[in-house]
Amino acid sequence: MKGLVEGRRIGRLHAVQIDIGQYLPDWRPQSDYRRNVSANKGLGGGVLLELSHEFDYLRWLLGDFDKAYCIMRNSGQLEIDVEDCVDIMLSRADGLVAQLHMDFLQRKATRKCKLIGEHGSLLWNLNSNTIVLETAAGDETLFSEPDLDRNAMYLAQLDGFIALVKGRSTPRITLDDGLAVLAMIEAMRQSAATGLPQPITSLT
């Protein structure tokens, strides 16, 4: 996906739409979801922090945004004390706008990212591991690997951590990357509290 963006496959980008959601009780059915980290404010739970990987890859793909507008709410459906549904709009000086919907409520797990450009759209389904190019001429699957062993990603992460500890590599994700995402989340929280767009300001 990053290669397609950097290669300007769909030309100039106009908008980004991200949708992620999964019913929280289904995440870890062997335990009471209401006692888990995701469901407890005091433990750092809630949609914004729990699903923040969407902010990680959004920055990785497209860079930083300047302003955030956020509506954050608790549906009351899950008996938890954190936000379970969030809608966000991010903007920046070059005119690019990103819309994100994130929740703990969707009964069928959803994780999609759509980039809308001047020549067409790229639809990245992170659950089915596919990328589809949508144009006036029709749809074309550019990438499909539905049988990806997702556990291999976690093993690779452990290998990478061991390599860092032993001094054989440098971090691919820096402390500044993490702080930048926390700055986005802080702006979103301020926006939700005030009902107004908020600037995304550095925490460093």
N, C-alpha and C. Protein backbone atom coordinates (compact mmCIF):
# COMPACT_ATOMS: atom_id res chain seq x y z
N MET A 1 0.83 -1.20 0.00
CA MET A 1 0.00 0.00 0.00
C MET A 1 0.87 1.26 0.00
N LYS A 2 1.92 1.24 0.80
CA LYS A 2 2.81 2.40 0.85
C LYS A 2 3.49 2.62 -0.50
N GLY A 3 3.87 1.52 -1.15
CA GLY A 3 4.48 1.65 -2.47
C GLY A 3 3.52 2.24 -3.49
N LEU A 4 2.27 1.88 -3.42
CA LEU A 4 1.25 2.42 -4.33
C LEU A 4 1.04 3.91 -4.08
N VAL A 5 1.06 4.29 -2.80
CA VAL A 5 0.89 5.71 -2.47
C VAL A 5 2.10 6.51 -2.95
N GLU A 6 3.29 6.02 -2.63
CA GLU A 6 4.49 6.76 -3.02
C GLU A 6 4.69 6.77 -4.53
N GLY A 7 4.19 5.73 -5.22
CA GLY A 7 4.25 5.70 -6.68
C GLY A 7 3.14 6.47 -7.34
N ARG A 8 2.28 7.11 -6.53
CA ARG A 8 1.18 7.96 -7.02
C ARG A 8 0.29 7.20 -8.01
N ARG A 9 -0.04 5.96 -7.63
CA ARG A 9 -0.87 5.12 -8.51
C ARG A 9 -2.23 5.75 -8.79
N ILE A 10 -2.77 6.47 -7.80
CA ILE A 10 -4.07 7.11 -8.02
C ILE A 10 -3.93 8.64 -8.09
N GLY A 11 -2.71 9.10 -8.32
CA GLY A 11 -2.48 10.54 -8.45
C GLY A 11 -2.61 11.27 -7.13
N ARG A 12 -2.98 12.52 -7.23
CA ARG A 12 -3.13 13.35 -6.04
C ARG A 12 -4.24 12.80 -5.15
N LEU A 13 -3.95 12.76 -3.83
CA LEU A 13 -4.94 12.26 -2.88
C LEU A 13 -5.90 13.37 -2.47
N HIS A 14 -7.18 13.03 -2.43
CA HIS A 14 -8.21 13.98 -2.00
C HIS A 14 -8.72 13.69 -0.60
N ALA A 15 -8.84 12.42 -0.24
CA ALA A 15 -9.45 12.07 1.04
C ALA A 15 -9.06 10.67 1.46
N VAL A 16 -9.17 10.42 2.75
CA VAL A 16 -8.90 9.11 3.35
C VAL A 16 -10.10 8.73 4.22
N GLN A 17 -10.52 7.47 4.12
CA GLN A 17 -11.60 6.98 4.96
C GLN A 17 -11.15 5.69 5.63
N ILE A 18 -11.18 5.68 6.95
CA ILE A 18 -10.76 4.50 7.72
C ILE A 18 -11.92 4.04 8.59
N ASP A 19 -12.17 2.75 8.58
CA ASP A 19 -13.25 2.17 9.37
C ASP A 19 -12.71 0.94 10.08
N ILE A 20 -12.75 0.97 11.41
CA ILE A 20 -12.31 -0.19 12.18
C ILE A 20 -13.29 -0.42 13.32
N GLY A 21 -13.69 -1.66 13.51
CA GLY A 21 -14.59 -1.96 14.60
C GLY A 21 -14.73 -3.45 14.81
N GLN A 22 -14.93 -3.84 16.05
CA GLN A 22 -15.19 -5.24 16.39
C GLN A 22 -15.87 -5.27 17.75
N TYR A 23 -16.84 -6.14 17.89
CA TYR A 23 -17.60 -6.26 19.13
C TYR A 23 -16.68 -6.70 20.26
N LEU A 24 -16.52 -5.82 21.26
CA LEU A 24 -15.53 -6.06 22.31
C LEU A 24 -15.70 -7.39 23.03
N PRO A 25 -16.92 -7.84 23.35
CA PRO A 25 -17.04 -9.14 24.03
C PRO A 25 -16.50 -10.31 23.23
N ASP A 26 -16.35 -10.16 21.92
CA ASP A 26 -15.83 -11.24 21.09
C ASP A 26 -14.30 -11.28 21.03
N TRP A 27 -13.62 -10.23 21.54
CA TRP A 27 -12.17 -10.16 21.42
C TRP A 27 -11.50 -11.32 22.15
N ARG A 28 -11.84 -11.46 23.41
CA ARG A 28 -11.23 -12.49 24.26
C ARG A 28 -12.35 -13.22 24.98
N PRO A 29 -13.07 -14.08 24.27
CA PRO A 29 -14.28 -14.69 24.84
C PRO A 29 -14.03 -15.56 26.06
N GLN A 30 -12.80 -15.94 26.32
CA GLN A 30 -12.50 -16.79 27.48
C GLN A 30 -12.48 -15.99 28.78
N SER A 31 -12.58 -14.65 28.69
CA SER A 31 -12.54 -13.83 29.90
C SER A 31 -13.68 -12.80 29.86
N ASP A 32 -13.95 -12.20 31.02
CA ASP A 32 -14.97 -11.16 31.11
C ASP A 32 -14.39 -9.88 30.54
N TYR A 33 -14.88 -9.45 29.40
CA TYR A 33 -14.32 -8.29 28.70
C TYR A 33 -14.37 -7.03 29.58
N ARG A 34 -15.32 -6.96 30.50
CA ARG A 34 -15.47 -5.77 31.33
C ARG A 34 -14.33 -5.60 32.32
N ARG A 35 -13.54 -6.66 32.52
CA ARG A 35 -12.39 -6.58 33.43
C ARG A 35 -11.08 -6.37 32.70
N ASN A 36 -11.11 -6.39 31.37
CA ASN A 36 -9.89 -6.26 30.58
C ASN A 36 -9.46 -4.80 30.44
N VAL A 37 -8.21 -4.62 30.03
CA VAL A 37 -7.63 -3.29 29.84
C VAL A 37 -8.50 -2.43 28.93
N SER A 38 -8.97 -2.99 27.82
CA SER A 38 -9.69 -2.23 26.81
C SER A 38 -10.92 -1.54 27.36
N ALA A 39 -11.52 -2.10 28.39
CA ALA A 39 -12.80 -1.63 28.89
C ALA A 39 -12.69 -0.72 30.11
N ASN A 40 -11.48 -0.43 30.58
CA ASN A 40 -11.32 0.28 31.84
C ASN A 40 -10.50 1.56 31.69
N LYS A 41 -11.12 2.67 32.05
CA LYS A 41 -10.45 3.96 31.94
C LYS A 41 -9.17 4.01 32.78
N GLY A 42 -9.23 3.48 33.97
CA GLY A 42 -8.07 3.51 34.85
C GLY A 42 -6.88 2.71 34.35
N LEU A 43 -7.14 1.80 33.41
CA LEU A 43 -6.06 0.98 32.85
C LEU A 43 -5.62 1.47 31.47
N GLY A 44 -6.20 2.59 31.03
CA GLY A 44 -5.82 3.13 29.72
C GLY A 44 -6.65 2.58 28.58
N GLY A 45 -7.86 2.13 28.88
CA GLY A 45 -8.71 1.56 27.85
C GLY A 45 -9.45 2.60 27.03
N GLY A 46 -10.33 2.12 26.18
CA GLY A 46 -11.10 3.00 25.30
C GLY A 46 -10.65 2.87 23.86
N VAL A 47 -11.52 3.27 22.97
CA VAL A 47 -11.28 3.12 21.53
C VAL A 47 -10.02 3.85 21.08
N LEU A 48 -9.83 5.09 21.52
CA LEU A 48 -8.72 5.90 20.99
C LEU A 48 -7.36 5.28 21.26
N LEU A 49 -7.15 4.77 22.45
CA LEU A 49 -5.86 4.15 22.75
C LEU A 49 -5.79 2.72 22.25
N GLU A 50 -6.87 1.97 22.42
CA GLU A 50 -6.85 0.55 22.05
C GLU A 50 -6.70 0.34 20.55
N LEU A 51 -7.27 1.23 19.75
CA LEU A 51 -7.23 1.08 18.29
C LEU A 51 -6.28 2.09 17.64
N SER A 52 -5.30 2.54 18.39
CA SER A 52 -4.42 3.62 17.90
C SER A 52 -3.47 3.17 16.79
N HIS A 53 -3.42 1.88 16.49
CA HIS A 53 -2.57 1.44 15.37
C HIS A 53 -3.04 2.05 14.05
N GLU A 54 -4.32 2.44 13.98
CA GLU A 54 -4.79 3.10 12.76
C GLU A 54 -4.07 4.44 12.59
N PHE A 55 -3.81 5.13 13.70
CA PHE A 55 -3.06 6.39 13.64
C PHE A 55 -1.61 6.14 13.26
N ASP A 56 -1.06 5.02 13.76
CA ASP A 56 0.32 4.66 13.41
C ASP A 56 0.47 4.50 11.90
N TYR A 57 -0.40 3.68 11.30
CA TYR A 57 -0.21 3.44 9.87
C TYR A 57 -0.64 4.64 9.03
N LEU A 58 -1.58 5.45 9.51
CA LEU A 58 -1.97 6.65 8.78
C LEU A 58 -0.79 7.61 8.67
N ARG A 59 -0.07 7.81 9.77
CA ARG A 59 1.13 8.67 9.74
C ARG A 59 2.21 8.06 8.86
N TRP A 60 2.37 6.74 8.92
CA TRP A 60 3.40 6.06 8.13
C TRP A 60 3.11 6.21 6.64
N LEU A 61 1.85 6.09 6.27
CA LEU A 61 1.47 6.19 4.86
C LEU A 61 1.53 7.63 4.35
N LEU A 62 1.03 8.56 5.15
CA LEU A 62 0.73 9.90 4.61
C LEU A 62 1.36 11.06 5.37
N GLY A 63 2.00 10.80 6.50
CA GLY A 63 2.60 11.89 7.25
C GLY A 63 1.64 12.47 8.28
N ASP A 64 2.02 13.62 8.82
CA ASP A 64 1.29 14.22 9.92
C ASP A 64 0.11 15.07 9.45
N PHE A 65 -0.85 15.25 10.36
CA PHE A 65 -1.99 16.13 10.15
C PHE A 65 -1.92 17.27 11.17
N ASP A 66 -2.63 18.37 10.87
CA ASP A 66 -2.51 19.59 11.68
C ASP A 66 -3.63 19.76 12.70
N LYS A 67 -4.86 19.36 12.34
CA LYS A 67 -6.02 19.61 13.19
C LYS A 67 -6.85 18.35 13.34
N ALA A 68 -7.57 18.28 14.46
CA ALA A 68 -8.44 17.13 14.74
C ALA A 68 -9.79 17.62 15.22
N TYR A 69 -10.84 17.00 14.69
CA TYR A 69 -12.19 17.20 15.21
C TYR A 69 -12.72 15.82 15.57
N CYS A 70 -13.28 15.68 16.76
CA CYS A 70 -13.63 14.35 17.25
C CYS A 70 -14.95 14.37 18.01
N ILE A 71 -15.77 13.38 17.73
CA ILE A 71 -16.97 13.10 18.53
C ILE A 71 -16.75 11.75 19.19
N MET A 72 -16.75 11.74 20.51
CA MET A 72 -16.41 10.55 21.28
C MET A 72 -17.60 10.23 22.18
N ARG A 73 -18.02 8.96 22.22
CA ARG A 73 -19.19 8.64 23.01
C ARG A 73 -19.14 7.21 23.56
N ASN A 74 -19.99 7.01 24.56
CA ASN A 74 -20.17 5.70 25.15
C ASN A 74 -21.63 5.31 24.90
N SER A 75 -21.84 4.23 24.17
CA SER A 75 -23.20 3.84 23.77
C SER A 75 -24.03 3.32 24.95
N GLY A 76 -23.35 2.87 26.01
CA GLY A 76 -24.04 2.25 27.13
C GLY A 76 -24.34 0.78 26.91
N GLN A 77 -24.06 0.28 25.73
CA GLN A 77 -24.39 -1.10 25.39
C GLN A 77 -23.48 -2.11 26.09
N LEU A 78 -22.25 -1.71 26.40
CA LEU A 78 -21.25 -2.68 26.86
C LEU A 78 -20.99 -2.65 28.37
N GLU A 79 -21.59 -1.71 29.09
CA GLU A 79 -21.39 -1.60 30.54
C GLU A 79 -19.92 -1.37 30.88
N ILE A 80 -19.32 -0.40 30.18
CA ILE A 80 -17.92 -0.06 30.42
C ILE A 80 -17.82 1.46 30.64
N ASP A 81 -16.68 1.92 31.19
CA ASP A 81 -16.56 3.34 31.54
C ASP A 81 -15.66 4.12 30.59
N VAL A 82 -15.47 3.61 29.38
CA VAL A 82 -14.65 4.28 28.38
C VAL A 82 -15.46 4.50 27.10
N GLU A 83 -14.91 5.31 26.20
CA GLU A 83 -15.57 5.52 24.92
C GLU A 83 -15.56 4.22 24.11
N ASP A 84 -16.71 3.87 23.53
CA ASP A 84 -16.76 2.67 22.70
C ASP A 84 -17.05 2.99 21.23
N CYS A 85 -17.16 4.29 20.92
CA CYS A 85 -17.44 4.69 19.54
C CYS A 85 -16.90 6.10 19.32
N VAL A 86 -16.11 6.27 18.26
CA VAL A 86 -15.46 7.55 17.99
C VAL A 86 -15.51 7.84 16.50
N ASP A 87 -15.79 9.10 16.17
CA ASP A 87 -15.69 9.58 14.79
C ASP A 87 -14.77 10.78 14.75
N ILE A 88 -13.83 10.76 13.82
CA ILE A 88 -12.75 11.74 13.79
C ILE A 88 -12.59 12.31 12.39
N MET A 89 -12.26 13.59 12.32
CA MET A 89 -11.85 14.20 11.06
C MET A 89 -10.51 14.89 11.29
N LEU A 90 -9.53 14.53 10.48
CA LEU A 90 -8.21 15.13 10.53
C LEU A 90 -7.98 15.94 9.27
N SER A 91 -7.30 17.07 9.40
CA SER A 91 -7.02 17.89 8.22
C SER A 91 -5.62 18.46 8.31
N ARG A 92 -5.14 18.96 7.17
CA ARG A 92 -3.83 19.60 7.14
C ARG A 92 -3.76 20.63 6.02
N ALA A 93 -2.67 21.38 5.99
CA ALA A 93 -2.58 22.57 5.13
C ALA A 93 -2.68 22.26 3.65
N ASP A 94 -2.26 21.06 3.21
CA ASP A 94 -2.33 20.76 1.78
C ASP A 94 -3.72 20.35 1.31
N GLY A 95 -4.69 20.37 2.23
CA GLY A 95 -6.07 20.08 1.86
C GLY A 95 -6.51 18.65 2.07
N LEU A 96 -5.58 17.76 2.40
CA LEU A 96 -5.96 16.36 2.61
C LEU A 96 -6.77 16.22 3.90
N VAL A 97 -7.87 15.47 3.81
CA VAL A 97 -8.74 15.23 4.94
C VAL A 97 -8.86 13.72 5.16
N ALA A 98 -8.76 13.30 6.41
CA ALA A 98 -8.94 11.89 6.77
C ALA A 98 -10.12 11.76 7.71
N GLN A 99 -11.01 10.83 7.40
CA GLN A 99 -12.16 10.53 8.25
C GLN A 99 -11.95 9.13 8.84
N LEU A 100 -12.13 9.01 10.15
CA LEU A 100 -11.95 7.73 10.81
C LEU A 100 -13.17 7.40 11.66
N HIS A 101 -13.67 6.19 11.52
CA HIS A 101 -14.68 5.67 12.43
C HIS A 101 -14.07 4.48 13.15
N MET A 102 -14.18 4.48 14.50
CA MET A 102 -13.57 3.45 15.31
C MET A 102 -14.55 3.05 16.40
N ASP A 103 -14.73 1.74 16.62
CA ASP A 103 -15.68 1.34 17.65
C ASP A 103 -15.39 -0.05 18.21
N PHE A 104 -16.06 -0.33 19.34
CA PHE A 104 -16.06 -1.65 19.97
C PHE A 104 -17.38 -2.35 19.73
N LEU A 105 -18.16 -1.94 18.72
CA LEU A 105 -19.56 -2.33 18.61
C LEU A 105 -19.91 -3.17 17.40
N GLN A 106 -19.15 -3.12 16.33
CA GLN A 106 -19.52 -3.81 15.10
C GLN A 106 -19.48 -5.32 15.31
N ARG A 107 -20.58 -5.98 14.99
CA ARG A 107 -20.68 -7.41 15.24
C ARG A 107 -19.81 -8.23 14.29
N LYS A 108 -19.55 -7.72 13.10
CA LYS A 108 -18.59 -8.35 12.21
C LYS A 108 -17.33 -7.50 12.18
N ALA A 109 -16.20 -8.11 12.49
CA ALA A 109 -14.94 -7.36 12.55
C ALA A 109 -14.65 -6.67 11.23
N THR A 110 -14.34 -5.37 11.30
CA THR A 110 -14.08 -4.56 10.12
C THR A 110 -12.79 -3.79 10.30
N ARG A 111 -11.96 -3.78 9.28
CA ARG A 111 -10.74 -2.97 9.31
C ARG A 111 -10.38 -2.61 7.87
N LYS A 112 -10.74 -1.40 7.47
CA LYS A 112 -10.55 -0.98 6.08
C LYS A 112 -9.99 0.43 6.02
N CYS A 113 -9.24 0.68 4.94
CA CYS A 113 -8.72 2.01 4.66
C CYS A 113 -8.92 2.29 3.17
N LYS A 114 -9.56 3.41 2.87
CA LYS A 114 -9.81 3.80 1.48
C LYS A 114 -9.13 5.12 1.20
N LEU A 115 -8.30 5.15 0.18
CA LEU A 115 -7.66 6.37 -0.28
C LEU A 115 -8.33 6.79 -1.58
N ILE A 116 -8.83 8.01 -1.61
CA ILE A 116 -9.53 8.53 -2.78
C ILE A 116 -8.62 9.52 -3.49
N GLY A 117 -8.32 9.24 -4.76
CA GLY A 117 -7.41 10.08 -5.52
C GLY A 117 -8.00 10.53 -6.84
N GLU A 118 -7.20 11.29 -7.58
CA GLU A 118 -7.70 11.88 -8.83
C GLU A 118 -7.93 10.83 -9.92
N HIS A 119 -7.24 9.69 -9.87
CA HIS A 119 -7.38 8.67 -10.91
C HIS A 119 -8.18 7.45 -10.46
N GLY A 120 -8.60 7.42 -9.20
CA GLY A 120 -9.33 6.27 -8.68
C GLY A 120 -9.14 6.17 -7.18
N SER A 121 -9.53 5.04 -6.63
CA SER A 121 -9.43 4.82 -5.19
C SER A 121 -8.73 3.50 -4.91
N LEU A 122 -8.00 3.46 -3.82
CA LEU A 122 -7.39 2.23 -3.32
C LEU A 122 -8.13 1.80 -2.07
N LEU A 123 -8.66 0.59 -2.09
CA LEU A 123 -9.38 0.05 -0.94
C LEU A 123 -8.54 -1.07 -0.33
N TRP A 124 -8.04 -0.83 0.86
CA TRP A 124 -7.18 -1.78 1.58
C TRP A 124 -8.02 -2.42 2.68
N ASN A 125 -8.25 -3.72 2.56
CA ASN A 125 -8.95 -4.47 3.59
C ASN A 125 -7.91 -5.20 4.43
N LEU A 126 -7.70 -4.75 5.64
CA LEU A 126 -6.64 -5.31 6.48
C LEU A 126 -7.01 -6.66 7.06
N ASN A 127 -8.31 -6.99 7.07
CA ASN A 127 -8.73 -8.31 7.56
C ASN A 127 -8.56 -9.38 6.49
N SER A 128 -8.97 -9.08 5.27
CA SER A 128 -8.82 -10.07 4.18
C SER A 128 -7.45 -9.96 3.52
N ASN A 129 -6.68 -8.92 3.88
CA ASN A 129 -5.32 -8.72 3.36
C ASN A 129 -5.35 -8.55 1.84
N THR A 130 -6.16 -7.61 1.38
CA THR A 130 -6.29 -7.33 -0.05
C THR A 130 -6.23 -5.83 -0.30
N ILE A 131 -5.80 -5.48 -1.50
CA ILE A 131 -5.85 -4.10 -1.98
C ILE A 131 -6.52 -4.11 -3.34
N VAL A 132 -7.58 -3.31 -3.48
CA VAL A 132 -8.33 -3.24 -4.73
C VAL A 132 -8.27 -1.81 -5.26
N LEU A 133 -7.96 -1.69 -6.55
CA LEU A 133 -8.00 -0.40 -7.24
C LEU A 133 -9.37 -0.22 -7.86
N GLU A 134 -10.06 0.85 -7.48
CA GLU A 134 -11.39 1.15 -8.01
C GLU A 134 -11.30 2.34 -8.96
N THR A 135 -11.69 2.14 -10.22
CA THR A 135 -11.70 3.21 -11.20
C THR A 135 -13.00 3.16 -12.00
N ALA A 136 -13.18 4.14 -12.87
CA ALA A 136 -14.37 4.16 -13.72
C ALA A 136 -14.43 2.94 -14.63
N ALA A 137 -13.27 2.36 -14.93
CA ALA A 137 -13.21 1.19 -15.81
C ALA A 137 -13.55 -0.10 -15.09
N GLY A 138 -13.62 -0.07 -13.76
CA GLY A 138 -13.91 -1.28 -12.99
C GLY A 138 -12.93 -1.47 -11.85
N ASP A 139 -13.02 -2.59 -11.18
CA ASP A 139 -12.18 -2.89 -10.04
C ASP A 139 -11.08 -3.86 -10.42
N GLU A 140 -9.89 -3.65 -9.87
CA GLU A 140 -8.74 -4.52 -10.13
C GLU A 140 -8.07 -4.86 -8.81
N THR A 141 -7.91 -6.14 -8.52
CA THR A 141 -7.22 -6.55 -7.31
C THR A 141 -5.71 -6.46 -7.55
N LEU A 142 -5.07 -5.58 -6.79
CA LEU A 142 -3.62 -5.36 -6.93
C LEU A 142 -2.81 -6.25 -6.00
N PHE A 143 -3.43 -6.66 -4.91
CA PHE A 143 -2.72 -7.50 -3.94
C PHE A 143 -3.73 -8.36 -3.21
N SER A 144 -3.39 -9.62 -3.00
CA SER A 144 -4.26 -10.51 -2.24
C SER A 144 -3.42 -11.62 -1.62
N GLU A 145 -3.44 -11.67 -0.30
CA GLU A 145 -2.75 -12.75 0.42
C GLU A 145 -3.60 -13.13 1.63
N PRO A 146 -4.77 -13.72 1.37
CA PRO A 146 -5.72 -14.00 2.46
C PRO A 146 -5.24 -15.05 3.44
N ASP A 147 -4.27 -15.86 3.05
CA ASP A 147 -3.80 -16.94 3.93
C ASP A 147 -2.57 -16.54 4.74
N LEU A 148 -2.32 -15.26 4.84
CA LEU A 148 -1.18 -14.79 5.62
C LEU A 148 -1.24 -15.34 7.05
N ASP A 149 -0.12 -15.84 7.54
CA ASP A 149 -0.03 -16.31 8.92
C ASP A 149 0.22 -15.11 9.82
N ARG A 150 -0.83 -14.60 10.44
CA ARG A 150 -0.70 -13.38 11.23
C ARG A 150 0.18 -13.58 12.46
N ASN A 151 0.26 -14.80 12.95
CA ASN A 151 1.13 -15.06 14.09
C ASN A 151 2.59 -14.80 13.74
N ALA A 152 2.94 -14.94 12.46
CA ALA A 152 4.32 -14.68 12.03
C ALA A 152 4.71 -13.22 12.29
N MET A 153 3.73 -12.32 12.23
CA MET A 153 4.03 -10.91 12.50
C MET A 153 4.48 -10.72 13.94
N TYR A 154 3.81 -11.41 14.87
CA TYR A 154 4.17 -11.28 16.27
C TYR A 154 5.54 -11.92 16.55
N LEU A 155 5.81 -13.02 15.88
CA LEU A 155 7.13 -13.65 16.04
C LEU A 155 8.23 -12.75 15.49
N ALA A 156 7.95 -12.11 14.35
CA ALA A 156 8.92 -11.18 13.76
C ALA A 156 9.16 -9.99 14.69
N GLN A 157 8.10 -9.55 15.36
CA GLN A 157 8.24 -8.44 16.30
C GLN A 157 9.14 -8.84 17.47
N LEU A 158 8.96 -10.05 17.96
CA LEU A 158 9.82 -10.53 19.05
C LEU A 158 11.27 -10.64 18.59
N ASP A 159 11.48 -11.16 17.38
CA ASP A 159 12.84 -11.24 16.84
C ASP A 159 13.45 -9.85 16.72
N GLY A 160 12.64 -8.89 16.27
CA GLY A 160 13.13 -7.53 16.14
C GLY A 160 13.50 -6.92 17.48
N PHE A 161 12.70 -7.20 18.50
CA PHE A 161 12.99 -6.68 19.83
C PHE A 161 14.30 -7.27 20.37
N ILE A 162 14.48 -8.57 20.17
CA ILE A 162 15.72 -9.22 20.63
C ILE A 162 16.92 -8.62 19.91
N ALA A 163 16.78 -8.36 18.61
CA ALA A 163 17.87 -7.76 17.85
C ALA A 163 18.21 -6.37 18.38
N LEU A 164 17.20 -5.62 18.79
CA LEU A 164 17.43 -4.29 19.37
C LEU A 164 18.19 -4.40 20.68
N VAL A 165 17.75 -5.31 21.54
CA VAL A 165 18.37 -5.47 22.85
C VAL A 165 19.84 -5.86 22.69
N LYS A 166 20.13 -6.67 21.69
CA LYS A 166 21.51 -7.13 21.46
C LYS A 166 22.32 -6.15 20.62
N GLY A 167 21.71 -5.01 20.26
CA GLY A 167 22.44 -3.98 19.53
C GLY A 167 22.68 -4.28 18.06
N ARG A 168 21.91 -5.21 17.50
CA ARG A 168 22.12 -5.58 16.10
C ARG A 168 21.28 -4.75 15.13
N SER A 169 20.37 -3.93 15.66
CA SER A 169 19.52 -3.12 14.79
C SER A 169 19.07 -1.87 15.52
N THR A 170 18.44 -0.97 14.79
CA THR A 170 17.89 0.25 15.38
C THR A 170 16.37 0.22 15.26
N PRO A 171 15.67 0.95 16.10
CA PRO A 171 14.20 0.89 16.08
C PRO A 171 13.62 1.38 14.76
N ARG A 172 12.64 0.66 14.26
CA ARG A 172 11.90 1.10 13.07
C ARG A 172 10.85 2.14 13.45
N ILE A 173 10.37 2.05 14.69
CA ILE A 173 9.43 3.01 15.24
C ILE A 173 10.13 3.71 16.40
N THR A 174 10.17 5.04 16.35
CA THR A 174 10.91 5.80 17.34
C THR A 174 10.00 6.29 18.46
N LEU A 175 10.63 6.78 19.52
CA LEU A 175 9.88 7.40 20.60
C LEU A 175 9.08 8.59 20.08
N ASP A 176 9.67 9.35 19.16
CA ASP A 176 8.96 10.50 18.59
C ASP A 176 7.70 10.06 17.83
N ASP A 177 7.75 8.90 17.18
CA ASP A 177 6.55 8.38 16.51
C ASP A 177 5.44 8.13 17.51
N GLY A 178 5.79 7.51 18.63
CA GLY A 178 4.81 7.24 19.66
C GLY A 178 4.24 8.52 20.25
N LEU A 179 5.09 9.50 20.50
CA LEU A 179 4.63 10.78 21.05
C LEU A 179 3.73 11.51 20.06
N ALA A 180 4.03 11.39 18.77
CA ALA A 180 3.21 12.05 17.76
C ALA A 180 1.79 11.49 17.76
N VAL A 181 1.65 10.18 17.93
CA VAL A 181 0.32 9.58 17.99
C VAL A 181 -0.40 9.99 19.26
N LEU A 182 0.31 10.05 20.38
CA LEU A 182 -0.31 10.52 21.63
C LEU A 182 -0.75 11.97 21.51
N ALA A 183 0.00 12.78 20.77
CA ALA A 183 -0.41 14.18 20.55
C ALA A 183 -1.70 14.24 19.74
N MET A 184 -1.85 13.34 18.75
CA MET A 184 -3.09 13.27 17.99
C MET A 184 -4.26 12.92 18.91
N ILE A 185 -4.05 11.93 19.76
CA ILE A 185 -5.12 11.48 20.65
C ILE A 185 -5.49 12.57 21.65
N GLU A 186 -4.50 13.31 22.15
CA GLU A 186 -4.79 14.40 23.08
C GLU A 186 -5.63 15.47 22.41
N ALA A 187 -5.30 15.81 21.15
CA ALA A 187 -6.09 16.79 20.41
C ALA A 187 -7.52 16.28 20.20
N MET A 188 -7.67 15.00 19.94
CA MET A 188 -9.00 14.41 19.77
C MET A 188 -9.80 14.49 21.05
N ARG A 189 -9.17 14.20 22.17
CA ARG A 189 -9.88 14.27 23.45
C ARG A 189 -10.31 15.71 23.75
N GLN A 190 -9.43 16.67 23.47
CA GLN A 190 -9.77 18.07 23.69
C GLN A 190 -10.92 18.50 22.79
N SER A 191 -10.91 18.03 21.55
CA SER A 191 -11.97 18.36 20.62
C SER A 191 -13.30 17.79 21.09
N ALA A 192 -13.27 16.54 21.54
CA ALA A 192 -14.51 15.91 22.03
C ALA A 192 -15.06 16.66 23.24
N ALA A 193 -14.17 17.17 24.07
CA ALA A 193 -14.60 17.87 25.28
C ALA A 193 -15.16 19.26 24.98
N THR A 194 -14.59 19.93 23.96
CA THR A 194 -14.99 21.31 23.66
C THR A 194 -16.01 21.40 22.53
N GLY A 195 -16.09 20.36 21.70
CA GLY A 195 -16.96 20.41 20.53
C GLY A 195 -16.37 21.21 19.39
N LEU A 196 -15.07 21.51 19.47
CA LEU A 196 -14.40 22.34 18.46
C LEU A 196 -13.17 21.63 17.91
N PRO A 197 -12.77 21.93 16.66
CA PRO A 197 -11.51 21.40 16.14
C PRO A 197 -10.35 21.89 17.01
N GLN A 198 -9.34 21.05 17.13
CA GLN A 198 -8.18 21.40 17.95
C GLN A 198 -6.89 21.18 17.15
N PRO A 199 -5.90 22.06 17.35
CA PRO A 199 -4.60 21.85 16.71
C PRO A 199 -3.90 20.65 17.31
N ILE A 200 -3.16 19.93 16.50
CA ILE A 200 -2.35 18.82 16.98
C ILE A 200 -0.97 19.37 17.26
N THR A 201 -0.62 19.49 18.51
CA THR A 201 0.65 20.10 18.90
C THR A 201 1.59 19.07 19.48
N SER A 202 2.86 19.25 19.23
CA SER A 202 3.86 18.28 19.65
C SER A 202 3.93 18.17 21.17
N LEU A 203 4.18 16.96 21.66
CA LEU A 203 4.36 16.72 23.08
C LEU A 203 5.83 16.80 23.49
N THR A 204 6.72 17.00 22.52
CA THR A 204 8.16 17.04 22.84
C THR A 204 8.62 18.45 23.10
